[in-house]
Amino acid sequence: MHRRVPFPSSTSHLIDTGHYPHISFSQLRGVNHPHYIYKSPPESAPSPNDFILTMTPSSFPPELLDSICSHLPTPDLLAVASASYTLNAIAQRSLYRNISITPASTNLSVLNTLAARPHTAAHLRTFSITVHHEQPHAFYTLLAKALEQMTELVSLTLILDADASWVLNSEARYLNLTSFASSFPFDSNLVDFLSRTPAVVDLQVGSAPPSNDQSEINFPPASIPNLARFTGPHHTARVVVPQRPVEALFLSEVISDDSIFGQLSQSKSNITIFDAVVSLGLLPCVAAISQTMPSLHYLRLMTVVPLDEHFDPVSRRRPKNCFRSVSP
């Protein structure tokens, strides 16, 4: 119920501000009151358009514009980017947030933009490039320069010539990178790169043997201290897994020596997922795994030898006995 207040004159009328929430106090003449505004009666009834406030994109909060642009498809983002200088800067953050370059795509020239504009490359959060055909040295030089600018990456995938790991050489640190996958072997270039990515939890490396002796590579425990998932050859897993909290292993190289199971069990966390290819008898492998990885939840073993050589009618009833020590 409205409170009665005296009118200042007989020609005035009462406007309840609750009925016109879009009216600005500065738009009305009269005496202000905590609940009412007095104004002389208009010559004609106001139309709804009288109370529409004009807003420009520059008056929107940047966070709101970022949120809007993050839901727009690329054609619409390009239109927004061409609307004004302010909107161009905001739209570019979404245009260059996630980039994937594949042999089927025609966006290889984006590397020129990323290499020439560090502020644009800094918008990237995920970057993936897959190149199957041989590329000139100038291409890899351009890629190396672009990678050096992408310091805010969260995910990076490089499927390239295995000998091109030198593109990772720089002084840049990637403090937010959590996932890294590449076709590069575990060589000195990759080791140096991983020393500058302390947040990596998911690592995938190539199966090609490194050009130098891997036993001479010094991989300090301080590198990738939070690693939880590894995909790659077992000779790299022997170096990477011990003293790190690895829980999932996907080994891409055929295992011919069961001593690796004991080495992998030196992970700081319990290994719960194990996927590998073996050239050993399945029953001996299962027995060794059940002793060294008692917390397994998922196990997949593939063999390159015929099962008949190891699974006779008696042994077919024995596999369950190997897992009596494995937690359910």
Protein backbone atom coordinates (compact mmCIF):
# COMPACT_ATOMS: atom_id res chain seq x y z
CA MET A 1 0.00 0.00 0.00
CA HIS A 2 1.37 3.45 -0.95
CA ARG A 3 1.83 6.07 1.73
CA ARG A 4 -0.12 9.28 1.23
CA VAL A 5 1.94 12.44 0.83
CA PRO A 6 0.73 15.94 0.01
CA PHE A 7 0.91 17.12 -3.59
CA PRO A 8 3.00 20.25 -4.14
CA SER A 9 0.30 21.67 -6.48
CA SER A 10 -3.02 20.80 -7.98
CA THR A 11 -1.44 20.35 -11.40
CA SER A 12 1.00 17.67 -10.30
CA HIS A 13 0.52 13.95 -10.35
CA LEU A 14 2.21 10.97 -8.65
CA ILE A 15 4.52 8.49 -10.39
CA ASP A 16 5.41 5.31 -8.50
CA THR A 17 9.03 4.48 -9.40
CA GLY A 18 8.26 0.80 -8.85
CA HIS A 19 6.04 0.88 -11.92
CA TYR A 20 8.78 2.35 -14.10
CA PRO A 21 12.02 0.61 -13.11
CA HIS A 22 13.74 1.79 -16.32
CA ILE A 23 13.23 5.50 -15.57
CA SER A 24 16.36 7.32 -14.52
CA PHE A 25 15.93 9.93 -11.77
CA SER A 26 17.84 12.39 -13.93
CA GLN A 27 15.24 12.00 -16.67
CA LEU A 28 12.38 13.29 -14.51
CA ARG A 29 11.80 16.75 -13.12
CA GLY A 30 10.40 17.43 -9.71
CA VAL A 31 11.01 16.72 -6.07
CA ASN A 32 12.62 13.42 -5.12
CA HIS A 33 11.08 11.36 -2.35
CA PRO A 34 12.27 8.03 -0.91
CA HIS A 35 9.24 6.35 -2.51
CA TYR A 36 7.89 8.73 -5.11
CA ILE A 37 8.85 11.25 -7.74
CA TYR A 38 6.61 14.21 -8.42
CA LYS A 39 6.45 15.38 -11.99
CA SER A 40 4.17 17.63 -13.95
CA PRO A 41 1.73 15.60 -16.04
CA PRO A 42 2.96 15.00 -19.61
CA GLU A 43 1.17 16.60 -22.50
CA SER A 44 0.53 13.11 -23.92
CA ALA A 45 0.75 9.59 -22.55
CA PRO A 46 4.33 8.21 -22.65
CA SER A 47 5.10 5.39 -25.06
CA PRO A 48 7.28 2.38 -24.13
CA ASN A 49 10.07 3.73 -26.38
CA ASP A 50 10.39 6.75 -24.11
CA PHE A 51 11.97 4.51 -21.46
CA ILE A 52 14.38 2.48 -23.64
CA LEU A 53 18.01 3.15 -22.72
CA THR A 54 20.55 2.98 -25.53
CA MET A 55 23.63 0.87 -24.66
CA THR A 56 26.79 0.44 -26.72
CA PRO A 57 29.00 -2.69 -26.65
CA SER A 58 31.73 -0.66 -24.96
CA SER A 59 29.42 -0.17 -21.97
CA PHE A 60 29.13 -3.95 -21.40
CA PRO A 61 31.47 -5.53 -18.85
CA PRO A 62 34.41 -7.26 -20.63
CA GLU A 63 33.61 -10.50 -18.80
CA LEU A 64 30.11 -10.51 -20.28
CA LEU A 65 31.42 -9.91 -23.79
CA ASP A 66 33.99 -12.69 -23.35
CA SER A 67 31.25 -15.07 -22.25
CA ILE A 68 29.07 -14.15 -25.23
CA CYS A 69 31.92 -14.57 -27.71
CA SER A 70 32.88 -17.94 -26.28
CA HIS A 71 29.53 -19.34 -27.48
CA LEU A 72 29.65 -17.90 -31.01
CA PRO A 73 30.63 -19.92 -34.11
CA THR A 74 33.65 -18.78 -36.10
CA PRO A 75 31.69 -16.90 -38.83
CA ASP A 76 29.91 -14.83 -36.17
CA LEU A 77 33.18 -14.17 -34.33
CA LEU A 78 34.69 -12.84 -37.54
CA ALA A 79 31.74 -10.47 -37.91
CA VAL A 80 32.12 -9.29 -34.31
CA ALA A 81 35.86 -8.76 -34.80
CA SER A 82 35.20 -6.42 -37.72
CA ALA A 83 32.62 -4.32 -35.86
CA SER A 84 34.93 -2.14 -33.79
CA TYR A 85 38.39 -1.94 -32.25
CA THR A 86 37.06 -2.88 -28.81
CA LEU A 87 35.10 -5.88 -30.07
CA ASN A 88 38.00 -6.99 -32.25
CA ALA A 89 40.26 -7.43 -29.23
CA ILE A 90 37.57 -9.41 -27.40
CA ALA A 91 36.62 -11.60 -30.37
CA GLN A 92 40.26 -12.48 -31.04
CA ARG A 93 40.54 -14.04 -27.60
CA SER A 94 37.90 -16.57 -28.64
CA LEU A 95 39.06 -16.92 -32.26
CA TYR A 96 42.54 -17.96 -31.17
CA ARG A 97 41.67 -19.91 -28.02
CA ASN A 98 41.67 -23.38 -29.61
CA ILE A 99 43.53 -24.15 -32.84
CA SER A 100 43.90 -27.50 -34.60
CA ILE A 101 45.99 -27.91 -37.75
CA THR A 102 45.60 -31.17 -39.68
CA PRO A 103 46.56 -32.34 -43.18
CA ALA A 104 42.92 -31.89 -44.23
CA SER A 105 42.72 -28.31 -42.99
CA THR A 106 43.81 -25.22 -44.89
CA ASN A 107 44.82 -23.12 -41.88
CA LEU A 108 48.56 -23.80 -41.90
CA SER A 109 49.15 -20.09 -42.55
CA VAL A 110 47.91 -19.33 -39.03
CA LEU A 111 51.47 -20.05 -37.88
CA ASN A 112 52.57 -16.81 -39.55
CA THR A 113 50.08 -14.88 -37.42
CA LEU A 114 51.04 -16.62 -34.18
CA ALA A 115 54.75 -16.15 -34.79
CA ALA A 116 54.39 -12.46 -35.67
CA ARG A 117 51.88 -11.49 -32.95
CA PRO A 118 52.91 -12.60 -29.45
CA HIS A 119 49.79 -11.03 -27.87
CA THR A 120 47.60 -13.18 -30.16
CA ALA A 121 49.55 -16.38 -29.46
CA ALA A 122 49.11 -15.73 -25.73
CA HIS A 123 45.33 -16.25 -26.15
CA LEU A 124 45.84 -19.90 -27.07
CA ARG A 125 44.75 -22.55 -24.58
CA THR A 126 44.86 -25.67 -26.78
CA PHE A 127 47.06 -26.16 -29.83
CA SER A 128 47.32 -29.27 -31.97
CA ILE A 129 49.24 -29.78 -35.20
CA THR A 130 49.56 -32.95 -37.26
CA VAL A 131 51.80 -32.94 -40.34
CA HIS A 132 52.48 -36.20 -42.15
CA HIS A 133 54.38 -34.88 -45.17
CA GLU A 134 57.94 -33.62 -45.07
CA GLN A 135 58.12 -29.89 -44.48
CA PRO A 136 60.98 -27.47 -45.22
CA HIS A 137 63.23 -26.26 -42.44
CA ALA A 138 61.61 -22.81 -42.63
CA PHE A 139 58.29 -24.35 -41.56
CA TYR A 140 59.78 -25.78 -38.38
CA THR A 141 61.58 -22.52 -37.65
CA LEU A 142 58.27 -20.69 -37.88
CA LEU A 143 56.60 -23.29 -35.66
CA ALA A 144 59.36 -22.96 -33.06
CA LYS A 145 58.87 -19.19 -32.94
CA ALA A 146 55.09 -19.57 -32.60
CA LEU A 147 55.42 -22.16 -29.81
CA GLU A 148 57.66 -19.80 -27.87
CA GLN A 149 54.78 -17.29 -27.72
CA MET A 150 52.11 -19.79 -26.52
CA THR A 151 52.94 -19.53 -22.84
CA GLU A 152 49.34 -19.86 -21.61
CA LEU A 153 48.70 -23.26 -23.19
CA VAL A 154 46.78 -25.91 -21.29
CA SER A 155 47.04 -28.67 -23.91
CA LEU A 156 49.68 -29.16 -26.64
CA THR A 157 49.83 -31.87 -29.32
CA LEU A 158 52.70 -32.07 -31.84
CA ILE A 159 52.56 -34.95 -34.35
CA LEU A 160 55.53 -34.12 -36.57
CA ASP A 161 58.79 -35.50 -37.89
CA ALA A 162 60.41 -37.37 -35.00
CA ASP A 163 63.70 -35.58 -35.64
CA ALA A 164 62.14 -32.13 -35.23
CA SER A 165 62.11 -32.05 -31.43
CA TRP A 166 64.42 -29.03 -31.60
CA VAL A 167 61.31 -26.85 -32.15
CA LEU A 168 60.80 -27.14 -28.37
CA ASN A 169 64.06 -25.34 -27.62
CA SER A 170 63.44 -21.99 -25.96
CA GLU A 171 63.49 -20.27 -22.58
CA ALA A 172 59.68 -20.07 -22.36
CA ARG A 173 57.91 -21.65 -19.40
CA TYR A 174 54.47 -23.23 -19.74
CA LEU A 175 53.15 -23.08 -16.21
CA ASN A 176 49.55 -23.99 -17.11
CA LEU A 177 50.26 -26.88 -19.47
CA THR A 178 48.64 -30.07 -18.14
CA SER A 179 48.57 -32.29 -21.25
CA PHE A 180 51.41 -32.82 -23.72
CA ALA A 181 51.45 -35.33 -26.57
CA SER A 182 54.09 -35.62 -29.28
CA SER A 183 55.68 -37.96 -31.77
CA PHE A 184 59.13 -36.97 -30.49
CA PRO A 185 61.33 -39.55 -28.75
CA PHE A 186 62.49 -38.98 -25.20
CA ASP A 187 65.64 -37.06 -26.13
CA SER A 188 67.49 -34.13 -24.56
CA ASN A 189 65.25 -31.56 -26.29
CA LEU A 190 62.13 -33.12 -24.82
CA VAL A 191 63.71 -33.47 -21.39
CA ASP A 192 64.59 -29.78 -21.38
CA PHE A 193 61.06 -28.87 -22.45
CA LEU A 194 59.49 -30.96 -19.68
CA SER A 195 61.65 -29.17 -17.11
CA ARG A 196 59.67 -26.04 -18.01
CA THR A 197 56.20 -27.63 -17.71
CA PRO A 198 55.68 -28.30 -13.99
CA ALA A 199 51.89 -28.81 -14.23
CA VAL A 200 51.86 -31.68 -16.77
CA VAL A 201 49.75 -34.63 -15.60
CA ASP A 202 49.26 -36.40 -18.96
CA LEU A 203 52.32 -37.20 -21.12
CA GLN A 204 52.59 -39.01 -24.45
CA VAL A 205 55.89 -39.50 -26.29
CA GLY A 206 56.87 -41.18 -29.55
CA SER A 207 58.10 -44.74 -29.88
CA ALA A 208 61.06 -43.96 -32.10
CA PRO A 209 64.38 -44.50 -30.30
CA PRO A 210 66.28 -41.28 -29.57
CA SER A 211 69.33 -40.46 -31.64
CA ASN A 212 71.51 -40.35 -28.51
CA ASP A 213 71.93 -42.93 -25.77
CA GLN A 214 68.93 -42.62 -23.47
CA SER A 215 70.91 -43.95 -20.52
CA GLU A 216 72.94 -40.73 -20.61
CA ILE A 217 69.84 -38.50 -20.30
CA ASN A 218 69.47 -36.89 -16.89
CA PHE A 219 65.80 -36.54 -16.04
CA PRO A 220 65.63 -34.93 -12.59
CA PRO A 221 62.80 -35.90 -10.21
CA ALA A 222 61.74 -32.24 -10.04
CA SER A 223 60.51 -32.38 -13.66
CA ILE A 224 56.77 -33.00 -14.15
CA PRO A 225 56.30 -33.89 -10.45
CA ASN A 226 52.51 -34.33 -10.85
CA LEU A 227 52.54 -36.82 -13.75
CA ALA A 228 49.58 -39.19 -13.45
CA ARG A 229 49.22 -40.72 -16.94
CA PHE A 230 51.93 -41.91 -19.33
CA THR A 231 51.69 -43.20 -22.90
CA GLY A 232 54.82 -44.32 -24.74
CA PRO A 233 57.50 -47.02 -25.02
CA HIS A 234 58.53 -49.02 -22.00
CA HIS A 235 62.17 -47.92 -22.22
CA THR A 236 60.94 -44.35 -21.58
CA ALA A 237 58.55 -45.49 -18.86
CA ARG A 238 61.50 -46.95 -16.95
CA VAL A 239 62.93 -43.41 -16.71
CA VAL A 240 59.75 -41.39 -16.25
CA VAL A 241 57.53 -43.44 -13.93
CA PRO A 242 59.72 -44.00 -10.82
CA GLN A 243 59.35 -41.31 -8.14
CA ARG A 244 56.30 -39.76 -9.83
CA PRO A 245 52.61 -40.31 -8.93
CA VAL A 246 51.76 -42.22 -12.12
CA GLU A 247 48.46 -44.12 -11.95
CA ALA A 248 47.80 -45.04 -15.61
CA LEU A 249 50.27 -46.64 -18.06
CA PHE A 250 49.77 -47.30 -21.77
CA LEU A 251 52.93 -48.87 -23.18
CA SER A 252 53.37 -48.86 -26.94
CA GLU A 253 56.49 -51.04 -27.22
CA VAL A 254 56.58 -54.82 -26.96
CA ILE A 255 57.75 -55.97 -23.52
CA SER A 256 60.17 -58.90 -23.59
CA ASP A 257 61.60 -58.59 -20.07
CA ASP A 258 59.39 -59.04 -17.02
CA SER A 259 61.80 -57.02 -14.82
CA ILE A 260 60.06 -53.87 -16.04
CA PHE A 261 57.02 -54.60 -13.87
CA GLY A 262 59.10 -54.18 -10.73
CA GLN A 263 60.59 -50.90 -12.02
CA LEU A 264 57.18 -49.48 -12.85
CA SER A 265 55.92 -50.36 -9.39
CA GLN A 266 58.25 -47.63 -8.05
CA SER A 267 55.60 -45.06 -8.91
CA LYS A 268 54.69 -42.84 -5.94
CA SER A 269 51.02 -43.74 -6.50
CA ASN A 270 49.30 -47.07 -6.95
CA ILE A 271 49.05 -48.03 -10.60
CA THR A 272 45.39 -48.66 -11.36
CA ILE A 273 45.44 -48.88 -15.19
CA PHE A 274 47.94 -50.92 -17.20
CA ASP A 275 47.87 -51.55 -20.96
CA ALA A 276 50.76 -53.25 -22.76
CA VAL A 277 51.92 -55.62 -25.47
CA VAL A 278 54.13 -58.54 -24.40
CA SER A 279 56.14 -61.25 -26.06
CA LEU A 280 56.24 -63.31 -22.87
CA GLY A 281 53.92 -66.00 -21.64
CA LEU A 282 50.66 -64.44 -20.47
CA LEU A 283 50.46 -66.44 -17.26
CA PRO A 284 53.95 -65.42 -16.05
CA CYS A 285 53.13 -61.81 -16.93
CA VAL A 286 49.85 -61.88 -15.07
CA ALA A 287 51.55 -63.42 -12.05
CA ALA A 288 54.30 -60.75 -12.05
CA ILE A 289 51.80 -57.93 -12.49
CA SER A 290 49.57 -59.16 -9.69
CA GLN A 291 52.56 -59.06 -7.32
CA THR A 292 53.96 -55.67 -8.34
CA MET A 293 50.70 -53.79 -9.10
CA PRO A 294 48.19 -55.06 -6.53
CA SER A 295 45.84 -52.05 -6.89
CA LEU A 296 45.00 -52.55 -10.56
CA HIS A 297 41.44 -51.75 -11.65
CA TYR A 298 41.98 -52.24 -15.37
CA LEU A 299 44.41 -54.54 -17.18
CA ARG A 300 44.78 -55.21 -20.89
CA LEU A 301 47.56 -57.41 -22.19
CA MET A 302 48.15 -58.21 -25.84
CA THR A 303 50.63 -60.84 -26.92
CA VAL A 304 52.62 -61.31 -30.11
CA VAL A 305 52.97 -65.06 -29.59
CA PRO A 306 50.25 -67.70 -30.17
CA LEU A 307 48.15 -68.39 -27.10
CA ASP A 308 48.30 -72.14 -27.68
CA GLU A 309 51.95 -72.16 -26.67
CA HIS A 310 51.08 -70.98 -23.16
CA PHE A 311 47.44 -71.91 -22.59
CA ASP A 312 47.10 -75.68 -22.26
CA PRO A 313 43.86 -77.22 -20.93
CA VAL A 314 45.21 -77.09 -17.36
CA SER A 315 46.50 -73.51 -17.45
CA ARG A 316 43.16 -72.20 -18.76
CA ARG A 317 41.80 -72.76 -15.24
CA ARG A 318 44.72 -71.02 -13.51
CA PRO A 319 44.58 -67.28 -14.44
CA LYS A 320 42.11 -66.44 -11.68
CA ASN A 321 44.61 -67.73 -9.13
CA CYS A 322 47.13 -65.12 -10.25
CA PHE A 323 44.80 -62.30 -9.20
CA ARG A 324 43.94 -63.39 -5.70
CA SER A 325 46.27 -60.66 -4.39
CA VAL A 326 44.78 -57.95 -6.63
CA SER A 327 42.27 -55.67 -4.93
CA PRO A 328 38.74 -55.71 -6.45
